[in-house]
Amino acid sequence: MKEGKKKKHIISTFDCEKIIEQLNNVLKNKSYMPNKKNMALIPSSIKKEYLEVIEKYFLTNVIKINKFLKKEYLPHCLKEGGLYYLPNGKKNYQYLINSYTTLNNLTAEKIHKLGLSEVNRINIELENIKNKLGFNGSLKQFKEYMKKSPENYYKSPTETMNAYKDMRSEINKTIMPTYFNEKISHNYEIKAIPKYMSDYSTGAYYRMASYDNSRKGVFYLDTNNLKSNQKYETLVLSLHEGNPGHHYQLTHSIDNKIPKFFLYIMHNTAYIEGWGLYCESFVDKDDLLNYYGRLNYEIMRAVRLVVDTGIHHYGWSYKKAYDYYDKYCLSSKKETQNAILRYIANPGQALGYKIGEMFIMNLRDDFLKKNNDIKAFHNHFLKYGALPLCLM
């Protein structure tokens, strides 16, 4: 970090302030400490030493780096984020585009144009749904209406959890046998995101099973903030995180003994997240509310193509990126802020979702021209695990 200060190779003020805020919370909440149940499992003979080690080696250094960030690093941070503002920034960004998309034929300009085109296409589809539902007003007014309507939200964490469990059963009964014929070893569990993580995590995420399946795959859901879960997003989120999305794909790899390095060392975002987004396409277009939920997620992934390239290739300001994202995405102020900070801090990662999905759809369409069997396509695609798309 000190070397970075000298060479002007330094992160943005936005990201540095967020890191400081997170470290402050670690210190305040003591989230590094075991809970009572786990503390009781530590043998009394080492408990004193255990706590001393945390104090000496972990806590002391967290305090040290937090103080350094506040006093020495933050004052030198960039006013705007993005590789555009760093030495060799555009060149580094192209490297990350190749790395995250696992393709070698995409430039930032191409991706930016593709994003603009997809945002426009999806926006037209959203407009059609608004008209079919008989709403008189603009698309923005319709989105606000949907966002504010109490009937679109669950009333309690228990109701939220039960709805997602019911949806899991419904998907396994209907969608899975229609599009897939290979079974996996176990169903996914659904658990609430720990409360202390709610402010910094997305509304949902998936944790892969262990390689020996002794720990099952888990779909984590934010039940602390009821406003983060609209009813019409239950199906699309379940398809992405659970079956046939992340859980099915990753458990399929484990069950078929795909080598460990594919699962633990290589992380082909475009394959894995592209697959998750592709699985959202199993929502029936005639089911207007659920299809509306699906399009809201899809347009967010298309907006990412525009915003990520805007920030790192075209030098967009935080405000310009925020305003563009806010114009099209159904997110709270906090969610939008976290999204933009994520794209600033992790250049290129967010491109994999939409690029991967479109790649899979094109591959599927080519396959079905020669062999009209969607189940066979899915078997072939999943057979070798999360490969780079250039190999697929």
Protein backbone atom coordinates (compact mmCIF):
# COMPACT_ATOMS: atom_id res chain seq x y z
CA MET A 1 0.00 0.00 0.00
CA LYS A 2 2.86 2.38 0.78
CA GLU A 3 4.48 1.52 -2.56
CA GLY A 4 1.12 2.07 -4.27
CA LYS A 5 0.87 5.54 -2.75
CA LYS A 6 4.24 6.51 -4.25
CA LYS A 7 3.33 5.19 -7.72
CA LYS A 8 -0.24 6.55 -7.69
CA HIS A 9 -1.52 2.98 -7.96
CA ILE A 10 -4.15 3.25 -5.29
CA ILE A 11 -7.80 2.43 -4.67
CA SER A 12 -10.71 4.88 -4.63
CA THR A 13 -11.90 6.89 -1.65
CA PHE A 14 -15.29 5.10 -1.91
CA ASP A 15 -13.76 1.64 -1.52
CA CYS A 16 -11.29 2.66 1.18
CA GLU A 17 -14.07 4.21 3.29
CA LYS A 18 -16.13 1.02 2.91
CA ILE A 19 -13.19 -1.16 4.04
CA ILE A 20 -12.68 1.06 7.09
CA GLU A 21 -16.39 0.85 7.88
CA GLN A 22 -16.29 -2.95 7.61
CA LEU A 23 -13.21 -3.24 9.81
CA ASN A 24 -14.86 -0.95 12.37
CA ASN A 25 -17.81 -3.35 12.40
CA VAL A 26 -15.52 -6.38 12.84
CA LEU A 27 -14.01 -4.69 15.90
CA LYS A 28 -17.35 -3.50 17.28
CA ASN A 29 -19.28 -6.75 16.80
CA LYS A 30 -16.35 -9.08 17.54
CA SER A 31 -17.48 -11.25 14.62
CA TYR A 32 -14.06 -12.97 14.69
CA MET A 33 -14.96 -14.64 18.00
CA PRO A 34 -16.58 -18.09 18.13
CA ASN A 35 -20.19 -18.14 19.29
CA LYS A 36 -21.05 -19.68 22.68
CA LYS A 37 -21.71 -23.11 21.18
CA ASN A 38 -18.34 -23.26 19.39
CA MET A 39 -16.48 -21.70 22.31
CA ALA A 40 -17.73 -24.56 24.48
CA LEU A 41 -16.10 -27.03 22.07
CA ILE A 42 -12.61 -25.58 22.62
CA PRO A 43 -10.73 -27.74 25.17
CA SER A 44 -10.12 -25.88 28.42
CA SER A 45 -6.42 -26.75 28.23
CA ILE A 46 -5.95 -24.47 25.19
CA LYS A 47 -8.74 -21.93 25.63
CA LYS A 48 -6.52 -19.31 27.31
CA GLU A 49 -3.83 -19.66 24.62
CA TYR A 50 -6.49 -19.60 21.89
CA LEU A 51 -7.85 -16.25 23.08
CA GLU A 52 -4.32 -14.83 23.51
CA VAL A 53 -3.45 -15.79 19.92
CA ILE A 54 -6.57 -14.01 18.60
CA GLU A 55 -5.63 -10.93 20.65
CA LYS A 56 -1.94 -10.93 19.68
CA TYR A 57 -1.96 -11.97 16.03
CA PHE A 58 -5.38 -11.12 14.69
CA LEU A 59 -6.92 -8.27 16.67
CA THR A 60 -3.69 -6.28 17.01
CA ASN A 61 -3.13 -6.37 13.25
CA VAL A 62 -6.71 -5.49 12.36
CA ILE A 63 -6.41 -2.40 14.59
CA LYS A 64 -3.02 -1.60 13.02
CA ILE A 65 -4.19 -1.77 9.41
CA ASN A 66 -7.41 0.10 10.19
CA LYS A 67 -5.39 2.93 11.77
CA PHE A 68 -3.04 2.98 8.75
CA LEU A 69 -5.99 3.17 6.32
CA LYS A 70 -7.58 6.07 8.20
CA LYS A 71 -4.45 8.15 8.87
CA GLU A 72 -2.03 7.42 6.02
CA TYR A 73 -3.84 5.80 3.10
CA LEU A 74 -7.29 7.38 2.79
CA PRO A 75 -6.00 10.96 2.29
CA HIS A 76 -4.17 9.79 -0.89
CA CYS A 77 -7.00 7.73 -2.40
CA LEU A 78 -8.45 8.51 -5.84
CA LYS A 79 -11.52 10.71 -5.98
CA GLU A 80 -12.92 8.40 -8.66
CA GLY A 81 -12.59 4.64 -8.91
CA GLY A 82 -11.71 2.54 -11.90
CA LEU A 83 -8.67 1.23 -13.72
CA TYR A 84 -9.09 4.08 -16.21
CA TYR A 85 -7.39 6.38 -13.66
CA LEU A 86 -4.42 4.09 -12.99
CA PRO A 87 -1.16 3.58 -14.91
CA ASN A 88 -1.74 1.03 -17.74
CA GLY A 89 -5.34 0.85 -16.56
CA LYS A 90 -6.98 0.11 -19.92
CA LYS A 91 -4.43 -2.59 -20.72
CA ASN A 92 -4.97 -4.23 -17.34
CA TYR A 93 -8.73 -4.04 -17.82
CA GLN A 94 -8.52 -5.87 -21.16
CA TYR A 95 -6.52 -8.60 -19.40
CA LEU A 96 -9.29 -8.92 -16.81
CA ILE A 97 -11.99 -9.00 -19.53
CA ASN A 98 -10.20 -11.97 -21.13
CA SER A 99 -9.70 -13.61 -17.74
CA TYR A 100 -13.26 -13.27 -16.43
CA THR A 101 -15.11 -13.99 -19.69
CA THR A 102 -12.61 -16.79 -20.58
CA LEU A 103 -12.95 -15.65 -24.19
CA ASN A 104 -10.36 -13.81 -26.29
CA ASN A 105 -12.57 -12.05 -28.83
CA LEU A 106 -14.18 -9.35 -26.67
CA THR A 107 -13.11 -5.75 -26.17
CA ALA A 108 -14.49 -3.22 -23.70
CA GLU A 109 -16.09 -1.33 -26.60
CA LYS A 110 -17.89 -4.47 -27.86
CA ILE A 111 -19.13 -5.34 -24.39
CA HIS A 112 -20.33 -1.77 -23.77
CA LYS A 113 -22.35 -1.78 -27.01
CA LEU A 114 -23.73 -5.25 -26.25
CA GLY A 115 -24.82 -4.03 -22.82
CA LEU A 116 -26.59 -0.98 -24.22
CA SER A 117 -28.41 -3.19 -26.76
CA GLU A 118 -29.50 -5.74 -24.12
CA VAL A 119 -30.69 -3.03 -21.71
CA ASN A 120 -32.84 -1.58 -24.49
CA ARG A 121 -34.28 -5.00 -25.46
CA ILE A 122 -35.13 -5.99 -21.88
CA ASN A 123 -36.61 -2.55 -21.16
CA ILE A 124 -39.03 -3.04 -24.07
CA GLU A 125 -40.06 -6.43 -22.62
CA LEU A 126 -40.70 -4.80 -19.24
CA GLU A 127 -42.83 -2.17 -20.97
CA ASN A 128 -44.88 -4.98 -22.57
CA ILE A 129 -45.52 -6.61 -19.18
CA LYS A 130 -46.63 -3.28 -17.73
CA ASN A 131 -49.15 -2.90 -20.58
CA LYS A 132 -50.40 -6.50 -20.28
CA LEU A 133 -51.04 -5.96 -16.57
CA GLY A 134 -53.10 -2.90 -17.46
CA PHE A 135 -51.01 -0.31 -15.64
CA ASN A 136 -51.57 3.25 -16.82
CA GLY A 137 -48.39 5.23 -16.39
CA SER A 138 -44.69 5.17 -17.22
CA LEU A 139 -42.43 2.14 -16.72
CA LYS A 140 -40.68 3.98 -13.88
CA GLN A 141 -44.04 4.57 -12.16
CA PHE A 142 -44.94 0.90 -12.68
CA LYS A 143 -41.67 -0.23 -11.09
CA GLU A 144 -42.23 2.10 -8.13
CA TYR A 145 -45.77 0.78 -7.75
CA MET A 146 -44.54 -2.82 -7.76
CA LYS A 147 -41.79 -1.94 -5.32
CA LYS A 148 -44.13 -0.22 -2.87
CA SER A 149 -47.12 -2.60 -3.01
CA PRO A 150 -47.35 -4.48 0.32
CA GLU A 151 -48.85 -7.56 -1.38
CA ASN A 152 -45.51 -8.11 -3.16
CA TYR A 153 -43.65 -8.74 0.11
CA TYR A 154 -43.55 -11.51 2.68
CA LYS A 155 -44.74 -10.56 6.14
CA SER A 156 -42.12 -12.35 8.24
CA PRO A 157 -38.81 -14.23 8.02
CA THR A 158 -40.72 -17.48 8.59
CA GLU A 159 -43.11 -16.81 5.71
CA THR A 160 -40.12 -15.94 3.48
CA MET A 161 -38.31 -19.16 4.36
CA ASN A 162 -41.41 -21.31 3.87
CA ALA A 163 -42.10 -19.73 0.46
CA TYR A 164 -38.59 -20.57 -0.74
CA LYS A 165 -38.90 -24.13 0.53
CA ASP A 166 -42.22 -24.52 -1.30
CA MET A 167 -40.64 -23.09 -4.44
CA ARG A 168 -37.79 -25.59 -4.18
CA SER A 169 -40.34 -28.44 -4.15
CA GLU A 170 -42.28 -26.95 -7.09
CA ILE A 171 -39.14 -26.56 -9.24
CA ASN A 172 -38.02 -30.11 -8.47
CA LYS A 173 -41.45 -31.40 -9.50
CA THR A 174 -41.95 -29.40 -12.70
CA ILE A 175 -38.88 -27.70 -14.21
CA MET A 176 -36.23 -30.28 -13.36
CA PRO A 177 -37.86 -33.32 -15.06
CA THR A 178 -38.76 -31.18 -18.09
CA TYR A 179 -35.20 -30.04 -18.84
CA PHE A 180 -32.88 -32.50 -17.04
CA ASN A 181 -32.58 -36.28 -16.76
CA GLU A 182 -29.47 -36.65 -14.58
CA LYS A 183 -30.01 -36.85 -10.81
CA ILE A 184 -27.73 -35.38 -8.16
CA SER A 185 -26.90 -36.76 -4.73
CA HIS A 186 -28.79 -34.30 -2.52
CA ASN A 187 -31.15 -31.35 -2.42
CA TYR A 188 -29.92 -27.97 -1.23
CA GLU A 189 -30.59 -26.59 2.23
CA ILE A 190 -31.99 -23.09 2.73
CA LYS A 191 -30.66 -20.95 5.59
CA ALA A 192 -30.85 -17.32 6.66
CA ILE A 193 -27.83 -15.06 6.07
CA PRO A 194 -26.30 -14.23 9.48
CA LYS A 195 -27.61 -10.89 10.70
CA TYR A 196 -24.16 -9.29 11.03
CA MET A 197 -23.56 -9.94 7.29
CA SER A 198 -26.82 -8.42 6.05
CA ASP A 199 -25.38 -4.97 5.40
CA TYR A 200 -22.53 -6.26 3.25
CA SER A 201 -23.84 -9.29 1.39
CA THR A 202 -26.18 -9.62 -1.54
CA GLY A 203 -29.79 -10.68 -0.89
CA ALA A 204 -28.86 -14.30 -1.55
CA TYR A 205 -25.86 -16.52 -2.27
CA TYR A 206 -24.94 -20.18 -2.52
CA ARG A 207 -22.27 -22.17 -0.69
CA MET A 208 -21.10 -25.31 -2.43
CA ALA A 209 -21.19 -28.71 -0.72
CA SER A 210 -17.90 -30.20 0.47
CA TYR A 211 -16.17 -32.54 -1.98
CA ASP A 212 -17.20 -35.61 0.05
CA ASN A 213 -20.78 -34.27 0.43
CA SER A 214 -20.49 -34.43 4.24
CA ARG A 215 -21.54 -30.77 4.25
CA LYS A 216 -24.51 -30.16 1.96
CA GLY A 217 -24.95 -27.27 -0.44
CA VAL A 218 -26.68 -24.26 1.13
CA PHE A 219 -28.75 -21.46 -0.40
CA TYR A 220 -28.37 -18.47 1.95
CA LEU A 221 -31.21 -15.97 1.95
CA ASP A 222 -31.52 -12.52 3.57
CA THR A 223 -34.59 -12.87 5.79
CA ASN A 224 -33.53 -9.99 8.07
CA ASN A 225 -34.60 -7.32 5.58
CA LEU A 226 -38.09 -8.19 4.35
CA LYS A 227 -37.89 -5.42 1.74
CA SER A 228 -35.04 -7.26 0.01
CA ASN A 229 -37.30 -10.14 -1.05
CA GLN A 230 -40.18 -9.46 -3.41
CA LYS A 231 -42.50 -12.41 -3.96
CA TYR A 232 -42.11 -12.24 -7.73
CA GLU A 233 -38.35 -12.82 -7.34
CA THR A 234 -38.72 -16.10 -5.43
CA LEU A 235 -38.80 -18.30 -8.53
CA VAL A 236 -35.97 -16.61 -10.42
CA LEU A 237 -33.69 -16.49 -7.37
CA SER A 238 -34.37 -20.17 -6.61
CA LEU A 239 -33.57 -21.15 -10.21
CA HIS A 240 -30.27 -19.23 -10.08
CA GLU A 241 -28.97 -20.23 -6.64
CA GLY A 242 -30.60 -23.65 -6.24
CA ASN A 243 -31.85 -26.04 -8.92
CA PRO A 244 -30.97 -26.14 -11.77
CA GLY A 245 -28.55 -23.26 -11.07
CA HIS A 246 -25.51 -23.22 -8.80
CA HIS A 247 -26.52 -26.13 -6.58
CA TYR A 248 -27.35 -28.51 -9.39
CA GLN A 249 -24.31 -27.56 -11.50
CA LEU A 250 -21.75 -27.70 -8.69
CA THR A 251 -23.19 -30.81 -7.03
CA HIS A 252 -23.29 -32.49 -10.46
CA SER A 253 -19.53 -31.80 -10.71
CA ILE A 254 -18.86 -33.18 -7.23
CA ASP A 255 -20.98 -36.31 -7.82
CA ASN A 256 -19.13 -36.97 -11.10
CA LYS A 257 -15.75 -36.51 -9.43
CA ILE A 258 -14.67 -33.54 -11.51
CA PRO A 259 -11.07 -32.92 -10.30
CA LYS A 260 -10.84 -30.79 -7.16
CA PHE A 261 -8.79 -28.03 -8.78
CA PHE A 262 -11.74 -27.25 -11.08
CA LEU A 263 -13.87 -26.57 -8.02
CA TYR A 264 -11.40 -25.02 -5.61
CA ILE A 265 -8.65 -23.35 -7.65
CA MET A 266 -10.16 -22.48 -11.03
CA HIS A 267 -13.17 -20.23 -10.73
CA ASN A 268 -14.58 -19.79 -14.21
CA THR A 269 -17.08 -17.04 -13.42
CA ALA A 270 -18.48 -16.85 -16.94
CA TYR A 271 -19.34 -20.57 -16.91
CA ILE A 272 -20.71 -20.73 -13.36
CA GLU A 273 -22.55 -17.39 -13.23
CA GLY A 274 -23.49 -17.66 -16.90
CA TRP A 275 -25.13 -20.98 -16.06
CA GLY A 276 -26.96 -19.45 -13.08
CA LEU A 277 -28.35 -16.66 -15.27
CA TYR A 278 -29.18 -19.09 -18.09
CA CYS A 279 -31.25 -21.14 -15.63
CA GLU A 280 -33.38 -18.07 -14.91
CA SER A 281 -34.69 -18.41 -18.48
CA PHE A 282 -36.83 -21.37 -17.40
CA VAL A 283 -39.42 -18.87 -16.09
CA ASP A 284 -42.59 -19.07 -18.22
CA LYS A 285 -43.12 -15.83 -20.18
CA ASP A 286 -46.89 -16.13 -19.72
CA ASP A 287 -46.47 -16.06 -15.94
CA LEU A 288 -46.31 -12.26 -15.98
CA LEU A 289 -45.33 -11.51 -12.38
CA ASN A 290 -42.58 -14.12 -12.20
CA TYR A 291 -41.39 -13.14 -15.68
CA TYR A 292 -41.28 -9.53 -14.48
CA GLY A 293 -39.06 -10.70 -11.61
CA ARG A 294 -36.82 -12.54 -14.05
CA LEU A 295 -36.45 -9.48 -16.32
CA ASN A 296 -35.55 -7.28 -13.35
CA TYR A 297 -32.64 -9.61 -12.61
CA GLU A 298 -31.67 -9.88 -16.27
CA ILE A 299 -31.61 -6.13 -16.87
CA MET A 300 -29.35 -5.72 -13.81
CA ARG A 301 -26.86 -8.14 -15.43
CA ALA A 302 -27.09 -6.22 -18.73
CA VAL A 303 -26.59 -2.89 -16.92
CA ARG A 304 -23.40 -4.35 -15.43
CA LEU A 305 -21.88 -4.64 -18.90
CA VAL A 306 -22.46 -0.92 -19.45
CA VAL A 307 -21.41 0.26 -15.99
CA ASP A 308 -18.33 -1.95 -15.56
CA THR A 309 -16.90 -0.93 -18.94
CA GLY A 310 -18.07 2.64 -18.34
CA ILE A 311 -16.08 2.88 -15.09
CA HIS A 312 -12.89 1.10 -16.15
CA HIS A 313 -12.61 1.83 -19.89
CA TYR A 314 -14.43 5.14 -20.35
CA GLY A 315 -13.67 6.74 -16.97
CA TRP A 316 -17.26 7.15 -15.77
CA SER A 317 -17.60 8.94 -12.45
CA TYR A 318 -19.24 7.24 -9.47
CA LYS A 319 -22.27 9.52 -9.95
CA LYS A 320 -22.66 8.69 -13.64
CA ALA A 321 -22.42 4.95 -12.93
CA TYR A 322 -24.85 5.26 -10.00
CA ASP A 323 -27.40 7.25 -12.05
CA TYR A 324 -27.31 4.80 -14.97
CA TYR A 325 -27.70 1.79 -12.65
CA ASP A 326 -30.48 3.50 -10.70
CA LYS A 327 -32.38 4.34 -13.90
CA TYR A 328 -32.88 0.69 -14.87
CA CYS A 329 -32.48 -1.46 -11.75
CA LEU A 330 -35.04 -2.10 -9.05
CA SER A 331 -32.69 -1.63 -6.08
CA SER A 332 -32.59 0.33 -2.85
CA LYS A 333 -30.10 3.17 -2.41
CA LYS A 334 -27.86 0.94 -0.28
CA GLU A 335 -27.99 -1.93 -2.80
CA THR A 336 -27.10 0.44 -5.66
CA GLN A 337 -24.21 1.94 -3.69
CA ASN A 338 -22.86 -1.52 -2.86
CA ALA A 339 -23.20 -2.61 -6.51
CA ILE A 340 -21.21 0.35 -7.85
CA LEU A 341 -18.52 -0.10 -5.19
CA ARG A 342 -18.30 -3.78 -6.12
CA TYR A 343 -17.73 -2.96 -9.81
CA ILE A 344 -15.10 -0.36 -8.91
CA ALA A 345 -13.27 -2.77 -6.58
CA ASN A 346 -13.44 -5.90 -8.74
CA PRO A 347 -13.04 -4.89 -12.41
CA GLY A 348 -14.42 -7.34 -14.97
CA GLN A 349 -15.95 -9.86 -12.55
CA ALA A 350 -19.50 -8.66 -13.16
CA LEU A 351 -19.14 -9.18 -16.93
CA GLY A 352 -19.17 -12.97 -16.63
CA TYR A 353 -22.89 -13.31 -15.85
CA LYS A 354 -24.41 -11.86 -19.02
CA ILE A 355 -21.52 -12.83 -21.32
CA GLY A 356 -21.72 -16.40 -20.02
CA GLU A 357 -25.52 -16.60 -20.35
CA MET A 358 -25.50 -15.34 -23.94
CA PHE A 359 -22.68 -17.74 -24.83
CA ILE A 360 -24.65 -20.70 -23.42
CA MET A 361 -27.81 -19.68 -25.26
CA ASN A 362 -25.95 -19.40 -28.56
CA LEU A 363 -24.30 -22.78 -27.96
CA ARG A 364 -27.68 -24.33 -27.10
CA ASP A 365 -29.33 -22.93 -30.24
CA ASP A 366 -26.54 -24.36 -32.42
CA PHE A 367 -26.80 -27.73 -30.67
CA LEU A 368 -30.59 -27.94 -31.03
CA LYS A 369 -30.38 -27.36 -34.79
CA LYS A 370 -28.56 -30.69 -35.09
CA ASN A 371 -30.05 -32.57 -32.14
CA ASN A 372 -33.45 -31.44 -30.83
CA ASP A 373 -32.93 -32.69 -27.28
CA ILE A 374 -32.56 -30.02 -24.58
CA LYS A 375 -31.75 -32.62 -21.91
CA ALA A 376 -28.86 -33.93 -24.00
CA PHE A 377 -27.53 -30.38 -24.37
CA HIS A 378 -27.57 -29.88 -20.60
CA ASN A 379 -25.84 -33.24 -20.06
CA HIS A 380 -23.08 -32.29 -22.52
CA PHE A 381 -22.64 -28.80 -21.07
CA LEU A 382 -22.31 -30.04 -17.47
CA LYS A 383 -20.23 -33.14 -18.26
CA TYR A 384 -16.72 -31.73 -17.74
CA GLY A 385 -17.35 -29.14 -15.03
CA ALA A 386 -16.76 -25.39 -15.16
CA LEU A 387 -14.50 -25.08 -18.19
CA PRO A 388 -13.33 -21.82 -19.77
CA LEU A 389 -15.88 -20.82 -22.41
CA CYS A 390 -13.23 -20.85 -25.16
CA LEU A 391 -12.93 -24.62 -24.58
CA MET A 392 -16.69 -25.12 -24.46
